[in-house]
């Protein structure tokens, strides 16, 4: 799945570059600008998530403290996630590296700590992606203020489907992992 994401990103970026060239040749008007803006939004949201994801894995994961209270999921958070029925749909949702979240032995503290580390890193990465994804609105408005609603809608949809839902999944899973980890301590 990781290979598919990178190939898709390369194709979107290539199409975006072609649309930019066409706009430069034929002018930023009509269908050319619509295609350019659409591909810009796709490329931006995909690239931001890939770059932050890779940085999160290489920088943050090694420094995360799985026992920090900042990353603790409360009982009220878990109740909310249960109301949202995360358990029913979480396994059908796309995961970049699902194997990093698999636990084969719940009695092995090191395995639990590794999975908790990936879990926390994934959540923090999605929060950062949500934040930096919002800059698409500003970038788009610099290009053409008249289409501000397009940038807003794409940012909201990308944030919801690419970041908010995975954050909910990570928090739902971490609640149970923290309980098991606390018992092993």
N, C-alpha and C. Protein backbone atom coordinates (compact mmCIF):
# COMPACT_ATOMS: atom_id res chain seq x y z
N UNK A 1 0.82 -1.19 0.00
CA UNK A 1 0.00 0.00 0.00
C UNK A 1 0.87 1.26 0.00
N UNK A 2 2.00 1.19 0.68
CA UNK A 2 2.91 2.33 0.73
C UNK A 2 3.40 2.69 -0.67
N UNK A 3 3.72 1.68 -1.45
CA UNK A 3 4.18 1.89 -2.83
C UNK A 3 3.10 2.58 -3.66
N UNK A 4 1.85 2.16 -3.48
CA UNK A 4 0.73 2.75 -4.19
C UNK A 4 0.60 4.24 -3.87
N UNK A 5 0.76 4.59 -2.60
CA UNK A 5 0.66 5.99 -2.18
C UNK A 5 1.74 6.84 -2.84
N UNK A 6 2.97 6.35 -2.85
CA UNK A 6 4.06 7.12 -3.43
C UNK A 6 3.92 7.24 -4.95
N UNK A 7 3.46 6.19 -5.60
CA UNK A 7 3.23 6.25 -7.05
C UNK A 7 2.10 7.23 -7.36
N UNK A 8 1.02 7.17 -6.57
CA UNK A 8 -0.10 8.11 -6.76
C UNK A 8 0.36 9.54 -6.57
N UNK A 9 1.18 9.77 -5.55
CA UNK A 9 1.70 11.11 -5.30
C UNK A 9 2.54 11.60 -6.48
N UNK A 10 3.38 10.73 -7.01
CA UNK A 10 4.22 11.11 -8.16
C UNK A 10 3.35 11.45 -9.37
N UNK A 11 2.31 10.69 -9.60
CA UNK A 11 1.41 10.95 -10.74
C UNK A 11 0.67 12.27 -10.56
N UNK A 12 0.14 12.51 -9.36
CA UNK A 12 -0.57 13.77 -9.09
C UNK A 12 0.37 14.96 -9.26
N UNK A 13 1.59 14.83 -8.75
CA UNK A 13 2.55 15.93 -8.89
C UNK A 13 2.96 16.16 -10.34
N UNK A 14 3.07 15.09 -11.11
CA UNK A 14 3.37 15.23 -12.54
C UNK A 14 2.22 15.94 -13.25
N UNK A 15 0.99 15.52 -12.97
CA UNK A 15 -0.17 16.17 -13.59
C UNK A 15 -0.27 17.64 -13.16
N UNK A 16 0.03 17.92 -11.90
CA UNK A 16 0.04 19.30 -11.42
C UNK A 16 1.06 20.13 -12.19
N UNK A 17 2.24 19.59 -12.39
CA UNK A 17 3.30 20.30 -13.12
C UNK A 17 2.87 20.55 -14.57
N UNK A 18 2.27 19.56 -15.19
CA UNK A 18 1.77 19.72 -16.56
C UNK A 18 0.70 20.81 -16.62
N UNK A 19 -0.20 20.81 -15.63
CA UNK A 19 -1.26 21.82 -15.62
C UNK A 19 -0.67 23.22 -15.42
N UNK A 20 0.38 23.33 -14.62
CA UNK A 20 1.05 24.63 -14.44
C UNK A 20 1.67 25.10 -15.75
N UNK A 21 2.30 24.20 -16.47
CA UNK A 21 2.91 24.53 -17.76
C UNK A 21 1.83 24.97 -18.75
N UNK A 22 0.71 24.24 -18.79
CA UNK A 22 -0.38 24.61 -19.69
C UNK A 22 -0.95 25.98 -19.33
N UNK A 23 -1.06 26.27 -18.04
CA UNK A 23 -1.55 27.59 -17.63
C UNK A 23 -0.58 28.69 -18.05
N UNK A 24 0.71 28.41 -17.96
CA UNK A 24 1.70 29.40 -18.36
C UNK A 24 1.66 29.65 -19.87
N UNK A 25 1.38 28.60 -20.63
CA UNK A 25 1.34 28.72 -22.09
C UNK A 25 0.03 29.38 -22.55
N UNK A 26 -1.11 28.88 -22.02
CA UNK A 26 -2.42 29.32 -22.53
C UNK A 26 -3.12 30.35 -21.64
N UNK A 27 -2.53 30.68 -20.52
CA UNK A 27 -3.13 31.67 -19.62
C UNK A 27 -3.89 31.03 -18.48
N UNK A 28 -3.90 31.74 -17.39
CA UNK A 28 -4.59 31.26 -16.19
C UNK A 28 -6.07 31.65 -16.25
N UNK A 29 -6.81 30.93 -17.09
CA UNK A 29 -8.23 31.24 -17.22
C UNK A 29 -9.00 29.98 -17.59
N UNK A 30 -10.29 30.04 -17.35
CA UNK A 30 -11.20 28.97 -17.75
C UNK A 30 -10.86 27.61 -17.19
N UNK A 31 -10.89 26.64 -18.08
CA UNK A 31 -10.67 25.25 -17.68
C UNK A 31 -9.25 25.01 -17.18
N UNK A 32 -8.29 25.74 -17.72
CA UNK A 32 -6.90 25.54 -17.31
C UNK A 32 -6.70 25.86 -15.82
N UNK A 33 -7.29 26.96 -15.38
CA UNK A 33 -7.13 27.34 -13.97
C UNK A 33 -7.89 26.37 -13.06
N UNK A 34 -9.04 25.89 -13.51
CA UNK A 34 -9.82 24.93 -12.70
C UNK A 34 -9.04 23.63 -12.50
N UNK A 35 -8.45 23.14 -13.58
CA UNK A 35 -7.64 21.92 -13.49
C UNK A 35 -6.40 22.16 -12.63
N UNK A 36 -5.77 23.31 -12.83
CA UNK A 36 -4.59 23.67 -12.05
C UNK A 36 -4.91 23.71 -10.55
N UNK A 37 -5.99 24.39 -10.18
CA UNK A 37 -6.36 24.52 -8.76
C UNK A 37 -6.70 23.15 -8.17
N UNK A 38 -7.44 22.35 -8.89
CA UNK A 38 -7.80 21.01 -8.40
C UNK A 38 -6.55 20.17 -8.15
N UNK A 39 -5.65 20.15 -9.12
CA UNK A 39 -4.43 19.35 -8.96
C UNK A 39 -3.50 19.94 -7.89
N UNK A 40 -3.49 21.27 -7.76
CA UNK A 40 -2.72 21.89 -6.70
C UNK A 40 -3.20 21.42 -5.33
N UNK A 41 -4.50 21.41 -5.13
CA UNK A 41 -5.06 20.99 -3.84
C UNK A 41 -4.76 19.51 -3.57
N UNK A 42 -4.93 18.67 -4.58
CA UNK A 42 -4.59 17.25 -4.41
C UNK A 42 -3.11 17.09 -4.06
N UNK A 43 -2.25 17.73 -4.83
CA UNK A 43 -0.81 17.59 -4.61
C UNK A 43 -0.42 18.12 -3.24
N UNK A 44 -0.95 19.26 -2.87
CA UNK A 44 -0.60 19.84 -1.58
C UNK A 44 -1.00 18.92 -0.43
N UNK A 45 -2.25 18.47 -0.43
CA UNK A 45 -2.72 17.64 0.69
C UNK A 45 -2.01 16.29 0.75
N UNK A 46 -1.70 15.71 -0.38
CA UNK A 46 -0.97 14.44 -0.38
C UNK A 46 0.47 14.66 0.06
N UNK A 47 1.13 15.65 -0.51
CA UNK A 47 2.55 15.88 -0.21
C UNK A 47 2.77 16.29 1.25
N UNK A 48 1.91 17.15 1.76
CA UNK A 48 2.04 17.57 3.17
C UNK A 48 1.96 16.35 4.08
N UNK A 49 1.02 15.48 3.81
CA UNK A 49 0.85 14.30 4.67
C UNK A 49 2.02 13.32 4.53
N UNK A 50 2.54 13.17 3.34
CA UNK A 50 3.70 12.28 3.16
C UNK A 50 4.95 12.85 3.83
N UNK A 51 5.20 14.12 3.65
CA UNK A 51 6.40 14.73 4.23
C UNK A 51 6.33 14.71 5.76
N UNK A 52 5.22 15.14 6.31
CA UNK A 52 5.09 15.14 7.77
C UNK A 52 5.11 13.72 8.31
N UNK A 53 4.50 12.79 7.60
CA UNK A 53 4.53 11.39 8.03
C UNK A 53 5.93 10.83 8.09
N UNK A 54 6.71 11.10 7.06
CA UNK A 54 8.09 10.61 7.03
C UNK A 54 8.94 11.29 8.11
N UNK A 55 8.75 12.58 8.30
CA UNK A 55 9.48 13.28 9.35
C UNK A 55 9.08 12.77 10.74
N UNK A 56 7.80 12.52 10.91
CA UNK A 56 7.32 12.01 12.20
C UNK A 56 7.92 10.66 12.53
N UNK A 57 8.00 9.80 11.54
CA UNK A 57 8.57 8.47 11.78
C UNK A 57 10.06 8.55 12.08
N UNK A 58 10.77 9.41 11.39
CA UNK A 58 12.22 9.44 11.57
C UNK A 58 12.67 10.28 12.77
N UNK A 59 11.91 11.31 13.12
CA UNK A 59 12.35 12.21 14.20
C UNK A 59 11.58 11.95 15.50
N UNK A 60 10.28 12.02 15.45
CA UNK A 60 9.48 12.02 16.67
C UNK A 60 9.40 10.66 17.34
N UNK A 61 9.24 9.60 16.58
CA UNK A 61 9.01 8.27 17.16
C UNK A 61 10.12 7.85 18.11
N UNK A 62 11.34 8.23 17.83
CA UNK A 62 12.47 7.83 18.68
C UNK A 62 12.51 8.61 19.99
N UNK A 63 11.81 9.73 20.03
CA UNK A 63 11.86 10.60 21.21
C UNK A 63 10.59 10.55 22.05
N UNK A 64 9.58 9.84 21.62
CA UNK A 64 8.29 9.84 22.30
C UNK A 64 8.39 9.09 23.64
N UNK A 65 7.77 9.66 24.65
CA UNK A 65 7.69 9.02 25.96
C UNK A 65 6.27 8.45 26.09
N UNK A 66 6.16 7.13 25.97
CA UNK A 66 4.84 6.50 25.97
C UNK A 66 4.13 6.62 27.31
N UNK A 67 4.85 6.96 28.35
CA UNK A 67 4.25 7.07 29.68
C UNK A 67 3.84 8.51 30.02
N UNK A 68 4.09 9.45 29.12
CA UNK A 68 3.75 10.85 29.36
C UNK A 68 2.24 11.02 29.48
N UNK A 69 1.84 11.87 30.41
CA UNK A 69 0.41 12.16 30.63
C UNK A 69 -0.21 12.90 29.44
N UNK A 70 0.62 13.57 28.66
CA UNK A 70 0.11 14.30 27.49
C UNK A 70 -0.59 13.35 26.52
N UNK A 71 -0.10 12.13 26.41
CA UNK A 71 -0.63 11.18 25.44
C UNK A 71 -1.66 10.23 26.04
N UNK A 72 -2.01 10.43 27.30
CA UNK A 72 -2.96 9.55 27.97
C UNK A 72 -4.37 9.77 27.42
N UNK A 73 -5.07 8.69 27.14
CA UNK A 73 -6.44 8.75 26.67
C UNK A 73 -7.35 8.50 27.87
N UNK A 74 -8.22 9.45 28.17
CA UNK A 74 -9.07 9.36 29.35
C UNK A 74 -10.28 8.45 29.11
N UNK A 75 -10.96 8.14 30.21
CA UNK A 75 -12.19 7.33 30.11
C UNK A 75 -13.27 8.07 29.33
N UNK A 76 -13.37 9.39 29.51
CA UNK A 76 -14.38 10.15 28.78
C UNK A 76 -14.08 10.18 27.28
N UNK A 77 -12.78 10.24 26.92
CA UNK A 77 -12.41 10.15 25.50
C UNK A 77 -12.85 8.82 24.92
N UNK A 78 -12.62 7.76 25.69
CA UNK A 78 -12.99 6.42 25.23
C UNK A 78 -14.50 6.28 25.07
N UNK A 79 -15.25 6.87 25.98
CA UNK A 79 -16.72 6.83 25.88
C UNK A 79 -17.18 7.53 24.60
N UNK A 80 -16.58 8.69 24.30
CA UNK A 80 -16.92 9.40 23.07
C UNK A 80 -16.61 8.55 21.85
N UNK A 81 -15.43 7.91 21.85
CA UNK A 81 -15.03 7.07 20.71
C UNK A 81 -15.95 5.85 20.58
N UNK A 82 -16.44 5.35 21.68
CA UNK A 82 -17.41 4.25 21.62
C UNK A 82 -18.74 4.72 21.04
N UNK A 83 -19.16 5.93 21.40
CA UNK A 83 -20.38 6.50 20.83
C UNK A 83 -20.23 6.67 19.32
N UNK A 84 -19.02 7.03 18.88
CA UNK A 84 -18.75 7.19 17.45
C UNK A 84 -18.58 5.84 16.75
N UNK A 85 -18.66 4.76 17.51
CA UNK A 85 -18.57 3.38 17.00
C UNK A 85 -17.28 3.13 16.21
N UNK A 86 -16.17 3.64 16.75
CA UNK A 86 -14.87 3.48 16.10
C UNK A 86 -14.53 1.99 15.94
N UNK A 87 -14.89 1.20 16.91
CA UNK A 87 -14.59 -0.24 16.87
C UNK A 87 -15.19 -0.91 15.63
N UNK A 88 -16.34 -0.43 15.19
CA UNK A 88 -17.04 -1.04 14.05
C UNK A 88 -16.37 -0.77 12.71
N UNK A 89 -15.70 0.37 12.56
CA UNK A 89 -15.16 0.73 11.24
C UNK A 89 -13.64 0.87 11.20
N UNK A 90 -12.98 0.82 12.33
CA UNK A 90 -11.54 1.11 12.35
C UNK A 90 -10.69 0.13 11.54
N UNK A 91 -11.05 -1.13 11.50
CA UNK A 91 -10.25 -2.11 10.77
C UNK A 91 -10.42 -2.03 9.26
N UNK A 92 -11.46 -1.36 8.81
CA UNK A 92 -11.66 -1.18 7.37
C UNK A 92 -11.00 0.08 6.84
N UNK A 93 -10.48 0.90 7.74
CA UNK A 93 -9.85 2.15 7.33
C UNK A 93 -8.42 1.89 6.89
N UNK A 94 -7.97 2.67 5.92
CA UNK A 94 -6.62 2.56 5.36
C UNK A 94 -5.57 2.86 6.43
N UNK A 95 -4.51 2.07 6.46
CA UNK A 95 -3.36 2.36 7.34
C UNK A 95 -2.09 2.21 6.51
N UNK A 96 -1.19 3.16 6.65
CA UNK A 96 0.04 3.16 5.86
C UNK A 96 0.89 1.93 6.16
N UNK A 97 1.13 1.66 7.44
CA UNK A 97 1.92 0.50 7.83
C UNK A 97 1.23 -0.22 8.96
N UNK A 98 0.19 -0.94 8.62
CA UNK A 98 -0.62 -1.64 9.62
C UNK A 98 0.22 -2.61 10.45
N UNK A 99 1.27 -3.18 9.88
CA UNK A 99 2.09 -4.16 10.59
C UNK A 99 2.78 -3.55 11.82
N UNK A 100 2.99 -2.25 11.83
CA UNK A 100 3.63 -1.60 12.98
C UNK A 100 2.73 -1.55 14.21
N UNK A 101 1.44 -1.81 14.01
CA UNK A 101 0.49 -1.71 15.11
C UNK A 101 0.00 -3.08 15.59
N UNK A 102 0.60 -4.14 15.07
CA UNK A 102 0.17 -5.50 15.41
C UNK A 102 0.94 -5.99 16.63
N UNK A 103 0.20 -6.56 17.57
CA UNK A 103 0.80 -7.12 18.77
C UNK A 103 0.55 -8.62 18.76
N UNK A 104 1.64 -9.38 18.81
CA UNK A 104 1.50 -10.84 18.84
C UNK A 104 1.56 -11.38 20.26
N UNK A 105 2.25 -10.66 21.15
CA UNK A 105 2.38 -11.11 22.53
C UNK A 105 2.07 -9.94 23.46
N UNK A 106 0.92 -9.99 24.11
CA UNK A 106 0.50 -8.90 24.99
C UNK A 106 1.27 -8.88 26.31
N UNK A 107 2.11 -9.86 26.54
CA UNK A 107 2.89 -9.90 27.79
C UNK A 107 4.30 -9.36 27.61
N UNK A 108 4.64 -9.02 26.39
CA UNK A 108 5.97 -8.49 26.10
C UNK A 108 5.92 -6.96 26.18
N UNK A 109 6.52 -6.42 27.23
CA UNK A 109 6.48 -4.98 27.48
C UNK A 109 7.16 -4.18 26.37
N UNK A 110 8.24 -4.72 25.81
CA UNK A 110 8.95 -4.01 24.74
C UNK A 110 8.09 -3.89 23.48
N UNK A 111 7.35 -4.95 23.15
CA UNK A 111 6.46 -4.91 21.98
C UNK A 111 5.36 -3.89 22.22
N UNK A 112 4.78 -3.90 23.41
CA UNK A 112 3.72 -2.94 23.72
C UNK A 112 4.26 -1.50 23.66
N UNK A 113 5.45 -1.30 24.17
CA UNK A 113 6.05 0.03 24.14
C UNK A 113 6.30 0.49 22.70
N UNK A 114 6.75 -0.43 21.84
CA UNK A 114 6.99 -0.10 20.43
C UNK A 114 5.68 0.28 19.74
N UNK A 115 4.63 -0.51 19.99
CA UNK A 115 3.34 -0.24 19.36
C UNK A 115 2.75 1.07 19.90
N UNK A 116 2.88 1.31 21.19
CA UNK A 116 2.43 2.58 21.76
C UNK A 116 3.19 3.76 21.13
N UNK A 117 4.48 3.57 20.92
CA UNK A 117 5.29 4.61 20.31
C UNK A 117 4.80 4.92 18.89
N UNK A 118 4.52 3.89 18.11
CA UNK A 118 3.99 4.10 16.75
C UNK A 118 2.61 4.74 16.81
N UNK A 119 1.81 4.31 17.75
CA UNK A 119 0.46 4.83 17.90
C UNK A 119 0.49 6.33 18.20
N UNK A 120 1.31 6.72 19.16
CA UNK A 120 1.42 8.14 19.53
C UNK A 120 2.00 8.95 18.38
N UNK A 121 3.03 8.41 17.73
CA UNK A 121 3.63 9.10 16.58
C UNK A 121 2.60 9.31 15.48
N UNK A 122 1.80 8.29 15.21
CA UNK A 122 0.77 8.41 14.17
C UNK A 122 -0.24 9.50 14.53
N UNK A 123 -0.66 9.54 15.79
CA UNK A 123 -1.63 10.57 16.17
C UNK A 123 -1.04 11.97 16.06
N UNK A 124 0.15 12.17 16.59
CA UNK A 124 0.80 13.49 16.52
C UNK A 124 1.01 13.90 15.06
N UNK A 125 1.40 12.95 14.23
CA UNK A 125 1.59 13.22 12.81
C UNK A 125 0.29 13.69 12.17
N UNK A 126 -0.81 13.05 12.50
CA UNK A 126 -2.10 13.45 11.92
C UNK A 126 -2.54 14.83 12.44
N UNK A 127 -2.24 15.14 13.70
CA UNK A 127 -2.55 16.48 14.19
C UNK A 127 -1.75 17.53 13.42
N UNK A 128 -0.47 17.25 13.20
CA UNK A 128 0.37 18.18 12.44
C UNK A 128 -0.14 18.32 11.00
N UNK A 129 -0.53 17.21 10.40
CA UNK A 129 -1.07 17.25 9.03
C UNK A 129 -2.35 18.07 8.97
N UNK A 130 -3.18 17.93 9.98
CA UNK A 130 -4.41 18.71 10.05
C UNK A 130 -4.10 20.20 10.11
N UNK A 131 -3.12 20.56 10.92
CA UNK A 131 -2.72 21.96 11.06
C UNK A 131 -2.12 22.50 9.76
N UNK A 132 -1.12 21.80 9.22
CA UNK A 132 -0.45 22.28 8.02
C UNK A 132 -1.34 22.15 6.77
N UNK A 133 -2.29 21.23 6.79
CA UNK A 133 -3.23 21.11 5.69
C UNK A 133 -4.09 22.36 5.54
N UNK A 134 -4.34 23.04 6.67
CA UNK A 134 -5.16 24.25 6.64
C UNK A 134 -4.49 25.38 5.85
N UNK A 135 -3.17 25.32 5.70
CA UNK A 135 -2.48 26.35 4.93
C UNK A 135 -2.85 26.30 3.44
N UNK A 136 -3.50 25.23 3.01
CA UNK A 136 -3.96 25.16 1.62
C UNK A 136 -4.94 26.28 1.32
N UNK A 137 -5.69 26.70 2.33
CA UNK A 137 -6.64 27.80 2.13
C UNK A 137 -5.89 29.08 1.79
N UNK A 138 -4.84 29.36 2.55
CA UNK A 138 -4.06 30.58 2.29
C UNK A 138 -3.34 30.51 0.94
N UNK A 139 -2.74 29.37 0.66
CA UNK A 139 -2.02 29.20 -0.61
C UNK A 139 -2.98 29.39 -1.78
N UNK A 140 -4.15 28.76 -1.67
CA UNK A 140 -5.14 28.89 -2.74
C UNK A 140 -5.62 30.32 -2.92
N UNK A 141 -5.84 31.03 -1.80
CA UNK A 141 -6.30 32.41 -1.89
C UNK A 141 -5.26 33.34 -2.49
N UNK A 142 -3.97 33.01 -2.35
CA UNK A 142 -2.93 33.80 -3.02
C UNK A 142 -3.03 33.64 -4.53
N UNK A 143 -3.46 32.45 -4.97
CA UNK A 143 -3.57 32.19 -6.40
C UNK A 143 -4.84 32.84 -6.96
N UNK A 144 -5.96 32.59 -6.27
CA UNK A 144 -7.22 33.14 -6.74
C UNK A 144 -8.20 33.21 -5.56
N UNK A 145 -8.45 34.41 -5.11
CA UNK A 145 -9.33 34.62 -3.95
C UNK A 145 -10.78 34.27 -4.25
N UNK A 146 -11.16 34.32 -5.53
CA UNK A 146 -12.55 34.05 -5.90
C UNK A 146 -12.98 32.62 -5.61
N UNK A 147 -12.03 31.70 -5.58
CA UNK A 147 -12.36 30.29 -5.34
C UNK A 147 -12.07 29.86 -3.90
N UNK A 148 -12.16 30.79 -2.92
CA UNK A 148 -11.83 30.49 -1.53
C UNK A 148 -12.62 29.31 -1.00
N UNK A 149 -13.86 29.15 -1.44
CA UNK A 149 -14.71 28.07 -0.94
C UNK A 149 -14.20 26.70 -1.39
N UNK A 150 -13.53 26.63 -2.55
CA UNK A 150 -12.95 25.36 -3.01
C UNK A 150 -11.84 24.94 -2.06
N UNK A 151 -11.00 25.89 -1.67
CA UNK A 151 -9.89 25.58 -0.78
C UNK A 151 -10.41 25.18 0.59
N UNK A 152 -11.44 25.84 1.05
CA UNK A 152 -12.03 25.52 2.34
C UNK A 152 -12.63 24.11 2.34
N UNK A 153 -13.40 23.80 1.32
CA UNK A 153 -14.04 22.48 1.24
C UNK A 153 -13.00 21.36 1.13
N UNK A 154 -11.99 21.54 0.26
CA UNK A 154 -10.98 20.49 0.12
C UNK A 154 -10.18 20.31 1.40
N UNK A 155 -9.91 21.41 2.10
CA UNK A 155 -9.17 21.32 3.36
C UNK A 155 -10.00 20.60 4.42
N UNK A 156 -11.27 20.91 4.51
CA UNK A 156 -12.13 20.25 5.49
C UNK A 156 -12.26 18.76 5.18
N UNK A 157 -12.51 18.43 3.92
CA UNK A 157 -12.66 17.01 3.56
C UNK A 157 -11.37 16.23 3.74
N UNK A 158 -10.25 16.81 3.31
CA UNK A 158 -8.95 16.14 3.50
C UNK A 158 -8.65 15.98 4.98
N UNK A 159 -8.90 17.01 5.76
CA UNK A 159 -8.66 16.93 7.20
C UNK A 159 -9.52 15.88 7.87
N UNK A 160 -10.79 15.82 7.49
CA UNK A 160 -11.70 14.85 8.09
C UNK A 160 -11.30 13.43 7.75
N UNK A 161 -11.16 13.14 6.46
CA UNK A 161 -10.91 11.76 6.04
C UNK A 161 -9.47 11.31 6.22
N UNK A 162 -8.53 12.24 6.09
CA UNK A 162 -7.11 11.85 6.18
C UNK A 162 -6.52 12.01 7.57
N UNK A 163 -7.15 12.80 8.43
CA UNK A 163 -6.55 13.07 9.74
C UNK A 163 -7.47 12.81 10.93
N UNK A 164 -8.67 13.35 10.92
CA UNK A 164 -9.55 13.21 12.08
C UNK A 164 -9.91 11.74 12.33
N UNK A 165 -10.31 11.03 11.29
CA UNK A 165 -10.66 9.62 11.48
C UNK A 165 -9.48 8.79 11.98
N UNK A 166 -8.26 8.93 11.41
CA UNK A 166 -7.13 8.19 11.97
C UNK A 166 -6.79 8.59 13.41
N UNK A 167 -6.97 9.86 13.76
CA UNK A 167 -6.74 10.28 15.15
C UNK A 167 -7.70 9.53 16.08
N UNK A 168 -8.94 9.43 15.67
CA UNK A 168 -9.93 8.70 16.48
C UNK A 168 -9.52 7.23 16.63
N UNK A 169 -9.05 6.63 15.56
CA UNK A 169 -8.62 5.23 15.62
C UNK A 169 -7.43 5.07 16.55
N UNK A 170 -6.44 5.95 16.44
CA UNK A 170 -5.25 5.85 17.29
C UNK A 170 -5.62 6.00 18.76
N UNK A 171 -6.49 6.94 19.07
CA UNK A 171 -6.88 7.15 20.46
C UNK A 171 -7.70 5.97 20.99
N UNK A 172 -8.57 5.43 20.15
CA UNK A 172 -9.37 4.26 20.55
C UNK A 172 -8.45 3.09 20.89
N UNK A 173 -7.49 2.82 20.02
CA UNK A 173 -6.57 1.70 20.25
C UNK A 173 -5.64 1.97 21.44
N UNK A 174 -5.18 3.19 21.58
CA UNK A 174 -4.24 3.51 22.65
C UNK A 174 -4.88 3.36 24.03
N UNK A 175 -6.16 3.63 24.15
CA UNK A 175 -6.84 3.47 25.44
C UNK A 175 -6.64 2.05 25.97
N UNK A 176 -6.86 1.07 25.13
CA UNK A 176 -6.70 -0.33 25.54
C UNK A 176 -5.24 -0.69 25.73
N UNK A 177 -4.38 -0.21 24.85
CA UNK A 177 -2.95 -0.50 24.97
C UNK A 177 -2.38 0.07 26.27
N UNK A 178 -2.83 1.25 26.66
CA UNK A 178 -2.34 1.85 27.90
C UNK A 178 -2.76 1.04 29.12
N UNK A 179 -3.95 0.48 29.07
CA UNK A 179 -4.42 -0.36 30.19
C UNK A 179 -3.53 -1.60 30.34
N UNK A 180 -3.23 -2.25 29.23
CA UNK A 180 -2.39 -3.45 29.25
C UNK A 180 -0.96 -3.09 29.68
N UNK A 181 -0.46 -1.99 29.15
CA UNK A 181 0.90 -1.55 29.48
C UNK A 181 1.02 -1.21 30.98
N UNK A 182 0.01 -0.57 31.53
CA UNK A 182 0.01 -0.22 32.97
C UNK A 182 0.03 -1.48 33.82
N UNK A 183 -0.67 -2.52 33.42
CA UNK A 183 -0.69 -3.78 34.18
C UNK A 183 0.67 -4.47 34.14
N UNK A 184 1.36 -4.35 33.01
CA UNK A 184 2.69 -4.99 32.90
C UNK A 184 3.75 -4.24 33.70
N UNK A 185 3.54 -2.94 33.90
CA UNK A 185 4.50 -2.15 34.67
C UNK A 185 4.45 -2.59 36.11
